């Protein structure tokens, strides 16, 4: 979740999610009580997909971290005008609270629940937010850094407040690919990544089924695992209009095609049916976000992307059946 949650974004998140006609591709729940529940629901859906992919593909990643399935948020992330509402919605009895926990993850196994307030993490405490402080992610980022820096296999002591009662638990992280995910509240229909962060627009996470989101996340994860950002930077690729031609276009297009193919391996390793990849582009939601004649030359057409994925499924020994 990004800092600076706006009232407009909250209103947007209150809109009901749409159903999908995909076979064997369950749609998200259509009833969410309010905009705050929608925020939690969407953040948890994205985090669960990323956790699944990052854990299953850890052997492919050079950069690894301690993963917990714990989704944290701080009161300072919200504008001052919304902090009282956030405090009521998420039981902020301390500056840091648990927004949600990924089912089956280390946080849930340790007994941590949504709306628990965090008192300490590995002995570290967190400063209260001042009433008129500008929105920031400093507190949340500091907490996540403490977790990520914990050596693999070492338990983390968490001090909680639940219904006014202090609780102390031991959480045992697991090793996963180093990456984070954010729902971009005003990002529309986007899915993009940098060196270790995947951003997915609220217009995709809200109404789209999990399998469709997994296809997009796996593509962006492929960029991270394959270090495309470094490779493109080292090649001095031009951006903007100059990036649409010549050597720059060739390098970027090759990276996008490679990410499409590699995403099939990531999906299969995480227990997804890899056929959801070509299905997404050939018959599903991928066609709805394709710009047609206005498509960037960095990407192939939906048909071309589906064909590359089908070839990769066959190459990996899982023949594609239309």
C-alpha atoms as a PDB file:
ATOM      1  CA  UNK A   1       0.000   0.000   0.000  1.00  0.00           C
ATOM      2  CA  UNK A   2       1.336   3.429  -0.943  1.00  0.00           C
ATOM      3  CA  UNK A   3       1.417   6.423   1.313  1.00  0.00           C
ATOM      4  CA  UNK A   4      -1.182   9.125   0.917  1.00  0.00           C
ATOM      5  CA  UNK A   5      -4.501   7.305   0.788  1.00  0.00           C
ATOM      6  CA  UNK A   6      -6.962   9.815  -0.643  1.00  0.00           C
ATOM      7  CA  UNK A   7     -10.673  10.098  -0.013  1.00  0.00           C
ATOM      8  CA  UNK A   8     -11.212   9.574  -3.735  1.00  0.00           C
ATOM      9  CA  UNK A   9      -9.235   6.370  -3.590  1.00  0.00           C
ATOM     10  CA  UNK A  10     -11.302   5.179  -0.650  1.00  0.00           C
ATOM     11  CA  UNK A  11     -14.487   5.860  -2.576  1.00  0.00           C
ATOM     12  CA  UNK A  12     -13.080   3.996  -5.574  1.00  0.00           C
ATOM     13  CA  UNK A  13     -12.263   0.996  -3.417  1.00  0.00           C
ATOM     14  CA  UNK A  14     -15.834   0.839  -2.135  1.00  0.00           C
ATOM     15  CA  UNK A  15     -17.089  -0.088  -5.601  1.00  0.00           C
ATOM     16  CA  UNK A  16     -18.126  -3.763  -5.899  1.00  0.00           C
ATOM     17  CA  UNK A  17     -15.746  -6.183  -7.606  1.00  0.00           C
ATOM     18  CA  UNK A  18     -16.870  -7.694 -10.898  1.00  0.00           C
ATOM     19  CA  UNK A  19     -17.325 -11.402 -11.559  1.00  0.00           C
ATOM     20  CA  UNK A  20     -15.360 -13.288 -14.192  1.00  0.00           C
ATOM     21  CA  UNK A  21     -16.486 -15.780 -16.780  1.00  0.00           C
ATOM     22  CA  UNK A  22     -13.177 -17.701 -16.665  1.00  0.00           C
ATOM     23  CA  UNK A  23     -13.570 -21.414 -16.112  1.00  0.00           C
ATOM     24  CA  UNK A  24     -11.743 -22.716 -13.020  1.00  0.00           C
ATOM     25  CA  UNK A  25     -10.616 -19.168 -12.254  1.00  0.00           C
ATOM     26  CA  UNK A  26     -12.500 -18.030  -9.147  1.00  0.00           C
ATOM     27  CA  UNK A  27     -13.564 -14.410  -8.979  1.00  0.00           C
ATOM     28  CA  UNK A  28     -12.915 -12.329  -5.881  1.00  0.00           C
ATOM     29  CA  UNK A  29     -15.656 -11.914  -3.312  1.00  0.00           C
ATOM     30  CA  UNK A  30     -18.196  -9.310  -4.405  1.00  0.00           C
ATOM     31  CA  UNK A  31     -19.320  -8.181  -0.936  1.00  0.00           C
ATOM     32  CA  UNK A  32     -16.932  -6.019   1.026  1.00  0.00           C
ATOM     33  CA  UNK A  33     -18.366  -4.086   3.947  1.00  0.00           C
ATOM     34  CA  UNK A  34     -16.687  -0.705   3.329  1.00  0.00           C
ATOM     35  CA  UNK A  35     -13.738   1.024   1.717  1.00  0.00           C
ATOM     36  CA  UNK A  36     -11.402   0.139   4.592  1.00  0.00           C
ATOM     37  CA  UNK A  37     -12.306  -3.527   4.249  1.00  0.00           C
ATOM     38  CA  UNK A  38     -11.694  -3.220   0.502  1.00  0.00           C
ATOM     39  CA  UNK A  39      -8.215  -1.854   1.184  1.00  0.00           C
ATOM     40  CA  UNK A  40      -7.409  -4.796   3.447  1.00  0.00           C
ATOM     41  CA  UNK A  41      -8.985  -7.294   1.048  1.00  0.00           C
ATOM     42  CA  UNK A  42      -7.018  -6.109  -1.988  1.00  0.00           C
ATOM     43  CA  UNK A  43      -3.711  -5.797  -0.146  1.00  0.00           C
ATOM     44  CA  UNK A  44      -4.124  -9.338   1.203  1.00  0.00           C
ATOM     45  CA  UNK A  45      -4.994 -10.814  -2.203  1.00  0.00           C
ATOM     46  CA  UNK A  46      -1.894  -9.334  -3.821  1.00  0.00           C
ATOM     47  CA  UNK A  47       0.359 -10.216  -0.876  1.00  0.00           C
ATOM     48  CA  UNK A  48      -0.833 -13.833  -0.843  1.00  0.00           C
ATOM     49  CA  UNK A  49      -0.080 -14.272  -4.555  1.00  0.00           C
ATOM     50  CA  UNK A  50       3.372 -12.694  -4.229  1.00  0.00           C
ATOM     51  CA  UNK A  51       4.150 -14.752  -1.096  1.00  0.00           C
ATOM     52  CA  UNK A  52       3.206 -17.956  -2.926  1.00  0.00           C
ATOM     53  CA  UNK A  53       5.365 -17.158  -5.945  1.00  0.00           C
ATOM     54  CA  UNK A  54       8.314 -15.823  -3.913  1.00  0.00           C
ATOM     55  CA  UNK A  55       8.398 -18.860  -1.621  1.00  0.00           C
ATOM     56  CA  UNK A  56       8.062 -21.485  -4.355  1.00  0.00           C
ATOM     57  CA  UNK A  57      10.751 -19.928  -6.567  1.00  0.00           C
ATOM     58  CA  UNK A  58      13.372 -19.121  -3.929  1.00  0.00           C
ATOM     59  CA  UNK A  59      15.849 -21.474  -5.621  1.00  0.00           C
ATOM     60  CA  UNK A  60      15.838 -19.223  -8.697  1.00  0.00           C
ATOM     61  CA  UNK A  61      16.546 -15.993  -6.810  1.00  0.00           C
ATOM     62  CA  UNK A  62      19.948 -14.584  -5.936  1.00  0.00           C
ATOM     63  CA  UNK A  63      18.382 -11.982  -3.626  1.00  0.00           C
ATOM     64  CA  UNK A  64      16.523 -13.593  -0.729  1.00  0.00           C
ATOM     65  CA  UNK A  65      14.919 -12.410   2.480  1.00  0.00           C
ATOM     66  CA  UNK A  66      13.020 -13.564   5.549  1.00  0.00           C
ATOM     67  CA  UNK A  67       9.330 -13.706   4.624  1.00  0.00           C
ATOM     68  CA  UNK A  68       6.478 -13.820   7.119  1.00  0.00           C
ATOM     69  CA  UNK A  69       3.166 -13.280   5.341  1.00  0.00           C
ATOM     70  CA  UNK A  70       2.701 -10.294   7.654  1.00  0.00           C
ATOM     71  CA  UNK A  71       1.109  -7.205   6.089  1.00  0.00           C
ATOM     72  CA  UNK A  72       1.943  -4.169   8.191  1.00  0.00           C
ATOM     73  CA  UNK A  73       0.748  -0.597   8.043  1.00  0.00           C
ATOM     74  CA  UNK A  74       1.466   2.500  10.076  1.00  0.00           C
ATOM     75  CA  UNK A  75      -0.890   5.272  11.076  1.00  0.00           C
ATOM     76  CA  UNK A  76       1.446   7.840   9.518  1.00  0.00           C
ATOM     77  CA  UNK A  77       0.720   6.409   6.052  1.00  0.00           C
ATOM     78  CA  UNK A  78      -2.681   8.099   6.126  1.00  0.00           C
ATOM     79  CA  UNK A  79      -3.390  11.830   5.760  1.00  0.00           C
ATOM     80  CA  UNK A  80      -4.189  13.560   9.073  1.00  0.00           C
ATOM     81  CA  UNK A  81      -7.836  13.959   8.021  1.00  0.00           C
ATOM     82  CA  UNK A  82      -8.240  10.173   7.739  1.00  0.00           C
ATOM     83  CA  UNK A  83      -6.232   9.000  10.742  1.00  0.00           C
ATOM     84  CA  UNK A  84      -9.184   8.822  13.119  1.00  0.00           C
ATOM     85  CA  UNK A  85     -11.060   6.674  10.596  1.00  0.00           C
ATOM     86  CA  UNK A  86      -8.008   4.461  10.052  1.00  0.00           C
ATOM     87  CA  UNK A  87      -7.536   4.110  13.815  1.00  0.00           C
ATOM     88  CA  UNK A  88     -11.129   2.947  14.193  1.00  0.00           C
ATOM     89  CA  UNK A  89     -11.019   0.611  11.190  1.00  0.00           C
ATOM     90  CA  UNK A  90      -7.703  -1.082  12.019  1.00  0.00           C
ATOM     91  CA  UNK A  91      -7.474  -0.780  15.837  1.00  0.00           C
ATOM     92  CA  UNK A  92      -4.321   1.320  15.847  1.00  0.00           C
ATOM     93  CA  UNK A  93      -3.485   1.169  19.549  1.00  0.00           C
ATOM     94  CA  UNK A  94       0.182   1.751  18.628  1.00  0.00           C
ATOM     95  CA  UNK A  95       1.766   3.512  15.625  1.00  0.00           C
ATOM     96  CA  UNK A  96       2.076   0.165  13.800  1.00  0.00           C
ATOM     97  CA  UNK A  97      -0.655  -2.401  13.176  1.00  0.00           C
ATOM     98  CA  UNK A  98      -1.299  -5.639  11.334  1.00  0.00           C
ATOM     99  CA  UNK A  99      -3.479  -5.015   8.314  1.00  0.00           C
ATOM    100  CA  UNK A 100      -3.737  -8.704   7.393  1.00  0.00           C
ATOM    101  CA  UNK A 101      -1.838 -12.006   7.455  1.00  0.00           C
ATOM    102  CA  UNK A 102      -1.374 -14.396   4.543  1.00  0.00           C
ATOM    103  CA  UNK A 103      -3.227 -17.660   5.250  1.00  0.00           C
ATOM    104  CA  UNK A 104      -0.837 -20.443   6.233  1.00  0.00           C
ATOM    105  CA  UNK A 105       2.158 -18.104   6.493  1.00  0.00           C
ATOM    106  CA  UNK A 106       4.541 -17.759   9.430  1.00  0.00           C
ATOM    107  CA  UNK A 107       2.602 -14.829  10.933  1.00  0.00           C
ATOM    108  CA  UNK A 108      -0.648 -16.788  11.032  1.00  0.00           C
ATOM    109  CA  UNK A 109       1.156 -19.830  12.406  1.00  0.00           C
ATOM    110  CA  UNK A 110       2.531 -17.655  15.205  1.00  0.00           C
ATOM    111  CA  UNK A 111      -1.015 -16.623  16.136  1.00  0.00           C
ATOM    112  CA  UNK A 112      -0.838 -13.068  14.793  1.00  0.00           C
ATOM    113  CA  UNK A 113      -4.165 -11.670  13.580  1.00  0.00           C
ATOM    114  CA  UNK A 114      -5.432  -8.734  11.550  1.00  0.00           C
ATOM    115  CA  UNK A 115      -5.916  -5.614  13.717  1.00  0.00           C
ATOM    116  CA  UNK A 116      -3.268  -6.654  16.232  1.00  0.00           C
ATOM    117  CA  UNK A 117      -1.238  -3.592  17.207  1.00  0.00           C
ATOM    118  CA  UNK A 118       2.539  -3.976  17.138  1.00  0.00           C
ATOM    119  CA  UNK A 119       4.427  -2.921  20.268  1.00  0.00           C
ATOM    120  CA  UNK A 120       7.865  -4.332  19.424  1.00  0.00           C
ATOM    121  CA  UNK A 121       9.610  -6.285  16.670  1.00  0.00           C
ATOM    122  CA  UNK A 122      12.845  -7.964  17.750  1.00  0.00           C
ATOM    123  CA  UNK A 123      12.941  -5.539  20.678  1.00  0.00           C
ATOM    124  CA  UNK A 124      12.559  -2.454  18.466  1.00  0.00           C
ATOM    125  CA  UNK A 125       9.849   0.073  19.377  1.00  0.00           C
ATOM    126  CA  UNK A 126       8.186   2.645  17.121  1.00  0.00           C
ATOM    127  CA  UNK A 127       7.606   6.342  17.707  1.00  0.00           C
ATOM    128  CA  UNK A 128       4.047   7.757  17.804  1.00  0.00           C
ATOM    129  CA  UNK A 129       2.933   9.795  14.816  1.00  0.00           C
ATOM    130  CA  UNK A 130       2.309  13.477  15.440  1.00  0.00           C
ATOM    131  CA  UNK A 131      -1.190  14.706  14.694  1.00  0.00           C
ATOM    132  CA  UNK A 132      -0.400  16.801  11.620  1.00  0.00           C
ATOM    133  CA  UNK A 133       2.580  14.852  10.269  1.00  0.00           C
ATOM    134  CA  UNK A 134       2.541  14.432   6.502  1.00  0.00           C
ATOM    135  CA  UNK A 135       1.825  10.915   5.159  1.00  0.00           C
ATOM    136  CA  UNK A 136       4.954   8.754   5.087  1.00  0.00           C
ATOM    137  CA  UNK A 137       5.997   5.109   5.177  1.00  0.00           C
ATOM    138  CA  UNK A 138       8.990   5.568   7.489  1.00  0.00           C
ATOM    139  CA  UNK A 139       7.604   3.537  10.403  1.00  0.00           C
ATOM    140  CA  UNK A 140       6.337   0.685   8.258  1.00  0.00           C
ATOM    141  CA  UNK A 141       9.543   0.531   6.226  1.00  0.00           C
ATOM    142  CA  UNK A 142      11.655   0.451   9.373  1.00  0.00           C
ATOM    143  CA  UNK A 143       9.602  -2.458  10.732  1.00  0.00           C
ATOM    144  CA  UNK A 144       9.919  -4.387   7.467  1.00  0.00           C
ATOM    145  CA  UNK A 145      13.671  -3.757   7.419  1.00  0.00           C
ATOM    146  CA  UNK A 146      14.018  -5.310  10.884  1.00  0.00           C
ATOM    147  CA  UNK A 147      12.191  -8.406   9.668  1.00  0.00           C
ATOM    148  CA  UNK A 148      14.119  -8.705   6.400  1.00  0.00           C
ATOM    149  CA  UNK A 149      17.460  -8.348   8.112  1.00  0.00           C
ATOM    150  CA  UNK A 150      16.739 -11.210  10.500  1.00  0.00           C
ATOM    151  CA  UNK A 151      18.970 -14.164   9.545  1.00  0.00           C
ATOM    152  CA  UNK A 152      17.201 -17.082   7.886  1.00  0.00           C
ATOM    153  CA  UNK A 153      16.016 -19.622  10.411  1.00  0.00           C
ATOM    154  CA  UNK A 154      16.102 -17.219  13.357  1.00  0.00           C
ATOM    155  CA  UNK A 155      12.772 -16.566  15.112  1.00  0.00           C
ATOM    156  CA  UNK A 156      11.544 -13.005  15.586  1.00  0.00           C
ATOM    157  CA  UNK A 157       9.990 -11.877  18.866  1.00  0.00           C
ATOM    158  CA  UNK A 158       6.818  -9.839  18.307  1.00  0.00           C
ATOM    159  CA  UNK A 159       5.096  -7.864  21.069  1.00  0.00           C
ATOM    160  CA  UNK A 160       1.385  -7.297  20.394  1.00  0.00           C
ATOM    161  CA  UNK A 161      -1.638  -5.554  21.831  1.00  0.00           C
ATOM    162  CA  UNK A 162      -4.945  -7.329  21.213  1.00  0.00           C
ATOM    163  CA  UNK A 163      -8.125  -5.986  22.804  1.00  0.00           C
ATOM    164  CA  UNK A 164      -5.926  -4.089  25.243  1.00  0.00           C
ATOM    165  CA  UNK A 165      -4.006  -7.177  26.321  1.00  0.00           C
ATOM    166  CA  UNK A 166      -0.248  -7.530  25.802  1.00  0.00           C
ATOM    167  CA  UNK A 167       0.866 -10.693  24.006  1.00  0.00           C
ATOM    168  CA  UNK A 168       4.339 -11.891  23.068  1.00  0.00           C
ATOM    169  CA  UNK A 169       4.814 -14.390  20.251  1.00  0.00           C
ATOM    170  CA  UNK A 170       7.690 -15.936  18.353  1.00  0.00           C
ATOM    171  CA  UNK A 171       7.397 -15.819  14.561  1.00  0.00           C
ATOM    172  CA  UNK A 172       9.547 -18.169  12.467  1.00  0.00           C
ATOM    173  CA  UNK A 173      10.210 -16.585   9.038  1.00  0.00           C
ATOM    174  CA  UNK A 174      10.802 -18.587   5.890  1.00  0.00           C
ATOM    175  CA  UNK A 175      13.296 -17.792   3.146  1.00  0.00           C
ATOM    176  CA  UNK A 176      11.799 -16.394  -0.055  1.00  0.00           C
ATOM    177  CA  UNK A 177      12.762 -14.283  -3.055  1.00  0.00           C
ATOM    178  CA  UNK A 178      13.370 -10.697  -1.989  1.00  0.00           C
ATOM    179  CA  UNK A 179      10.462  -8.685  -3.346  1.00  0.00           C
ATOM    180  CA  UNK A 180       7.555  -6.605  -2.170  1.00  0.00           C
ATOM    181  CA  UNK A 181       4.196  -5.771  -3.693  1.00  0.00           C
ATOM    182  CA  UNK A 182       2.046  -2.653  -3.542  1.00  0.00           C
ATOM    183  CA  UNK A 183      -1.484  -1.889  -4.603  1.00  0.00           C
ATOM    184  CA  UNK A 184      -1.320   1.442  -6.411  1.00  0.00           C
ATOM    185  CA  UNK A 185      -4.511   3.196  -5.406  1.00  0.00           C
ATOM    186  CA  UNK A 186      -4.664   5.663  -8.277  1.00  0.00           C
ATOM    187  CA  UNK A 187      -2.639   3.701 -10.782  1.00  0.00           C
ATOM    188  CA  UNK A 188      -5.460   2.413 -12.956  1.00  0.00           C
ATOM    189  CA  UNK A 189      -4.707  -0.745 -14.943  1.00  0.00           C
ATOM    190  CA  UNK A 190      -0.959  -1.032 -14.420  1.00  0.00           C
ATOM    191  CA  UNK A 191       1.454  -3.765 -13.467  1.00  0.00           C
ATOM    192  CA  UNK A 192       5.117  -2.844 -13.303  1.00  0.00           C
ATOM    193  CA  UNK A 193       8.261  -3.506 -11.309  1.00  0.00           C
ATOM    194  CA  UNK A 194      11.653  -2.098 -10.408  1.00  0.00           C
ATOM    195  CA  UNK A 195      14.558  -3.944  -8.788  1.00  0.00           C
ATOM    196  CA  UNK A 196      12.428  -5.579  -6.072  1.00  0.00           C
ATOM    197  CA  UNK A 197       8.987  -3.952  -5.928  1.00  0.00           C
ATOM    198  CA  UNK A 198       5.940  -5.009  -7.924  1.00  0.00           C
ATOM    199  CA  UNK A 199       3.129  -2.472  -8.280  1.00  0.00           C
ATOM    200  CA  UNK A 200      -0.342  -3.437  -9.437  1.00  0.00           C
ATOM    201  CA  UNK A 201      -3.101  -0.883 -10.000  1.00  0.00           C
ATOM    202  CA  UNK A 202      -6.269  -0.991  -7.941  1.00  0.00           C
ATOM    203  CA  UNK A 203      -8.322  -1.318 -11.150  1.00  0.00           C
ATOM    204  CA  UNK A 204      -6.727  -4.753 -11.673  1.00  0.00           C
ATOM    205  CA  UNK A 205      -6.547  -6.073  -8.134  1.00  0.00           C
ATOM    206  CA  UNK A 206     -10.113  -5.091  -7.294  1.00  0.00           C
ATOM    207  CA  UNK A 207     -12.165  -6.837  -9.990  1.00  0.00           C
ATOM    208  CA  UNK A 208      -9.754  -9.394 -11.444  1.00  0.00           C
ATOM    209  CA  UNK A 209      -9.621 -13.067 -10.390  1.00  0.00           C
ATOM    210  CA  UNK A 210      -6.528 -14.320  -8.559  1.00  0.00           C
ATOM    211  CA  UNK A 211      -5.240 -16.331 -11.526  1.00  0.00           C
ATOM    212  CA  UNK A 212      -5.192 -13.259 -13.752  1.00  0.00           C
ATOM    213  CA  UNK A 213      -3.328 -11.252 -11.141  1.00  0.00           C
ATOM    214  CA  UNK A 214      -0.878 -14.161 -10.736  1.00  0.00           C
ATOM    215  CA  UNK A 215      -0.064 -14.051 -14.474  1.00  0.00           C
ATOM    216  CA  UNK A 216       0.797 -10.349 -14.276  1.00  0.00           C
ATOM    217  CA  UNK A 217       2.752 -10.742 -11.025  1.00  0.00           C
ATOM    218  CA  UNK A 218       4.734 -13.696 -12.446  1.00  0.00           C
ATOM    219  CA  UNK A 219       5.706 -11.582 -15.467  1.00  0.00           C
ATOM    220  CA  UNK A 220       6.936  -8.742 -13.239  1.00  0.00           C
ATOM    221  CA  UNK A 221       8.660 -11.209 -10.918  1.00  0.00           C
ATOM    222  CA  UNK A 222      10.491 -12.632 -13.934  1.00  0.00           C
ATOM    223  CA  UNK A 223      11.957  -9.182 -14.595  1.00  0.00           C
ATOM    224  CA  UNK A 224      13.248  -9.099 -11.003  1.00  0.00           C
ATOM    225  CA  UNK A 225      14.641 -12.647 -10.967  1.00  0.00           C
ATOM    226  CA  UNK A 226      16.318 -12.216 -14.359  1.00  0.00           C
ATOM    227  CA  UNK A 227      17.715  -8.812 -13.336  1.00  0.00           C
ATOM    228  CA  UNK A 228      16.386  -7.117 -16.423  1.00  0.00           C
ATOM    229  CA  UNK A 229      16.622  -3.698 -14.766  1.00  0.00           C
ATOM    230  CA  UNK A 230      20.396  -4.058 -14.381  1.00  0.00           C
ATOM    231  CA  UNK A 231      20.818  -5.471 -17.865  1.00  0.00           C
ATOM    232  CA  UNK A 232      18.855  -2.654 -19.463  1.00  0.00           C
ATOM    233  CA  UNK A 233      20.755  -0.061 -17.440  1.00  0.00           C
ATOM    234  CA  UNK A 234      24.128  -1.567 -18.348  1.00  0.00           C
ATOM    235  CA  UNK A 235      23.137  -1.475 -22.023  1.00  0.00           C
ATOM    236  CA  UNK A 236      22.425   2.281 -21.758  1.00  0.00           C
ATOM    237  CA  UNK A 237      18.963   1.822 -23.193  1.00  0.00           C
ATOM    238  CA  UNK A 238      17.156   5.029 -24.117  1.00  0.00           C
ATOM    239  CA  UNK A 239      13.763   5.735 -22.564  1.00  0.00           C
ATOM    240  CA  UNK A 240      10.802   7.686 -23.862  1.00  0.00           C
ATOM    241  CA  UNK A 241      10.417   8.138 -27.615  1.00  0.00           C
ATOM    242  CA  UNK A 242      14.059   7.219 -28.310  1.00  0.00           C
ATOM    243  CA  UNK A 243      13.438   3.881 -26.647  1.00  0.00           C
ATOM    244  CA  UNK A 244      10.965   2.933 -29.356  1.00  0.00           C
ATOM    245  CA  UNK A 245      13.629   2.456 -31.991  1.00  0.00           C
ATOM    246  CA  UNK A 246      16.793   0.567 -32.857  1.00  0.00           C
ATOM    247  CA  UNK A 247      18.995  -1.152 -30.311  1.00  0.00           C
ATOM    248  CA  UNK A 248      17.037   0.175 -27.309  1.00  0.00           C
ATOM    249  CA  UNK A 249      13.784  -1.282 -28.628  1.00  0.00           C
ATOM    250  CA  UNK A 250      15.443  -4.614 -29.412  1.00  0.00           C
ATOM    251  CA  UNK A 251      16.866  -4.977 -25.897  1.00  0.00           C
ATOM    252  CA  UNK A 252      13.660  -4.017 -24.107  1.00  0.00           C
ATOM    253  CA  UNK A 253      11.483  -6.188 -26.345  1.00  0.00           C
ATOM    254  CA  UNK A 254      13.802  -9.171 -25.753  1.00  0.00           C
ATOM    255  CA  UNK A 255      13.481  -8.647 -21.994  1.00  0.00           C
ATOM    256  CA  UNK A 256       9.679  -8.509 -22.179  1.00  0.00           C
ATOM    257  CA  UNK A 257       9.524 -11.677 -24.287  1.00  0.00           C
ATOM    258  CA  UNK A 258      11.910 -13.461 -21.939  1.00  0.00           C
ATOM    259  CA  UNK A 259       9.773 -12.436 -18.951  1.00  0.00           C
ATOM    260  CA  UNK A 260       6.666 -13.869 -20.620  1.00  0.00           C
ATOM    261  CA  UNK A 261       8.393 -17.203 -21.185  1.00  0.00           C
ATOM    262  CA  UNK A 262      10.056 -17.353 -17.778  1.00  0.00           C
ATOM    263  CA  UNK A 263       6.785 -16.516 -16.021  1.00  0.00           C
ATOM    264  CA  UNK A 264       5.498 -19.945 -17.047  1.00  0.00           C
ATOM    265  CA  UNK A 265       8.206 -21.605 -14.940  1.00  0.00           C
ATOM    266  CA  UNK A 266       7.430 -19.348 -11.982  1.00  0.00           C
ATOM    267  CA  UNK A 267       3.717 -20.132 -12.163  1.00  0.00           C
ATOM    268  CA  UNK A 268       4.276 -23.883 -12.462  1.00  0.00           C
ATOM    269  CA  UNK A 269       6.726 -23.927  -9.531  1.00  0.00           C
ATOM    270  CA  UNK A 270       4.108 -22.210  -7.368  1.00  0.00           C
ATOM    271  CA  UNK A 271       1.479 -24.812  -8.192  1.00  0.00           C
ATOM    272  CA  UNK A 272      -0.525 -22.762 -10.683  1.00  0.00           C
ATOM    273  CA  UNK A 273      -1.665 -24.435 -13.877  1.00  0.00           C
ATOM    274  CA  UNK A 274       0.766 -22.757 -16.323  1.00  0.00           C
ATOM    275  CA  UNK A 275      -1.953 -22.732 -18.965  1.00  0.00           C
ATOM    276  CA  UNK A 276      -3.452 -19.716 -17.217  1.00  0.00           C
ATOM    277  CA  UNK A 277      -0.673 -17.684 -18.876  1.00  0.00           C
ATOM    278  CA  UNK A 278      -1.596 -18.215 -22.524  1.00  0.00           C
ATOM    279  CA  UNK A 279      -5.282 -18.333 -21.599  1.00  0.00           C
ATOM    280  CA  UNK A 280      -4.961 -14.859 -20.088  1.00  0.00           C
ATOM    281  CA  UNK A 281      -3.577 -13.396 -23.312  1.00  0.00           C
ATOM    282  CA  UNK A 282      -5.462 -15.435 -25.882  1.00  0.00           C
ATOM    283  CA  UNK A 283      -8.974 -15.419 -24.432  1.00  0.00           C
ATOM    284  CA  UNK A 284      -8.958 -13.558 -21.120  1.00  0.00           C
ATOM    285  CA  UNK A 285      -8.324 -10.226 -19.482  1.00  0.00           C
ATOM    286  CA  UNK A 286      -5.024  -9.677 -21.275  1.00  0.00           C
ATOM    287  CA  UNK A 287      -6.910  -8.730 -24.409  1.00  0.00           C
ATOM    288  CA  UNK A 288      -8.804  -6.022 -22.518  1.00  0.00           C
ATOM    289  CA  UNK A 289      -5.601  -4.188 -21.529  1.00  0.00           C
ATOM    290  CA  UNK A 290      -3.943  -4.467 -24.933  1.00  0.00           C
ATOM    291  CA  UNK A 291      -3.762  -1.123 -26.734  1.00  0.00           C
ATOM    292  CA  UNK A 292      -4.153  -2.603 -30.214  1.00  0.00           C
ATOM    293  CA  UNK A 293      -2.669  -0.351 -32.879  1.00  0.00           C
ATOM    294  CA  UNK A 294      -1.476   1.958 -30.082  1.00  0.00           C
ATOM    295  CA  UNK A 295       0.423  -0.866 -28.375  1.00  0.00           C
ATOM    296  CA  UNK A 296       3.993  -0.135 -27.373  1.00  0.00           C
ATOM    297  CA  UNK A 297       6.447  -2.015 -29.614  1.00  0.00           C
ATOM    298  CA  UNK A 298       8.096  -3.182 -26.381  1.00  0.00           C
ATOM    299  CA  UNK A 299       5.451  -5.914 -26.154  1.00  0.00           C
ATOM    300  CA  UNK A 300       4.064  -8.457 -28.551  1.00  0.00           C
ATOM    301  CA  UNK A 301       0.397  -8.778 -29.370  1.00  0.00           C
ATOM    302  CA  UNK A 302      -1.789 -10.903 -27.062  1.00  0.00           C
ATOM    303  CA  UNK A 303      -1.667 -13.712 -29.660  1.00  0.00           C
ATOM    304  CA  UNK A 304       2.131 -13.552 -29.871  1.00  0.00           C
ATOM    305  CA  UNK A 305       2.485 -13.577 -26.099  1.00  0.00           C
ATOM    306  CA  UNK A 306       0.137 -16.537 -25.764  1.00  0.00           C
ATOM    307  CA  UNK A 307       2.067 -18.477 -28.425  1.00  0.00           C
ATOM    308  CA  UNK A 308       5.401 -17.877 -26.664  1.00  0.00           C
ATOM    309  CA  UNK A 309       3.912 -19.131 -23.412  1.00  0.00           C
ATOM    310  CA  UNK A 310       2.448 -22.213 -25.096  1.00  0.00           C
ATOM    311  CA  UNK A 311       5.852 -22.995 -26.595  1.00  0.00           C
ATOM    312  CA  UNK A 312       7.444 -22.665 -23.168  1.00  0.00           C
ATOM    313  CA  UNK A 313       4.877 -25.006 -21.600  1.00  0.00           C
ATOM    314  CA  UNK A 314       5.702 -27.598 -24.248  1.00  0.00           C
ATOM    315  CA  UNK A 315       9.437 -27.063 -23.773  1.00  0.00           C
ATOM    316  CA  UNK A 316       9.073 -27.659 -20.049  1.00  0.00           C
ATOM    317  CA  UNK A 317       7.269 -30.926 -20.719  1.00  0.00           C
ATOM    318  CA  UNK A 318       3.738 -29.787 -20.040  1.00  0.00           C
ATOM    319  CA  UNK A 319       2.018 -29.878 -23.441  1.00  0.00           C
ATOM    320  CA  UNK A 320      -0.496 -27.149 -23.983  1.00  0.00           C
ATOM    321  CA  UNK A 321      -4.071 -28.303 -24.586  1.00  0.00           C
ATOM    322  CA  UNK A 322      -6.407 -25.616 -25.960  1.00  0.00           C
END
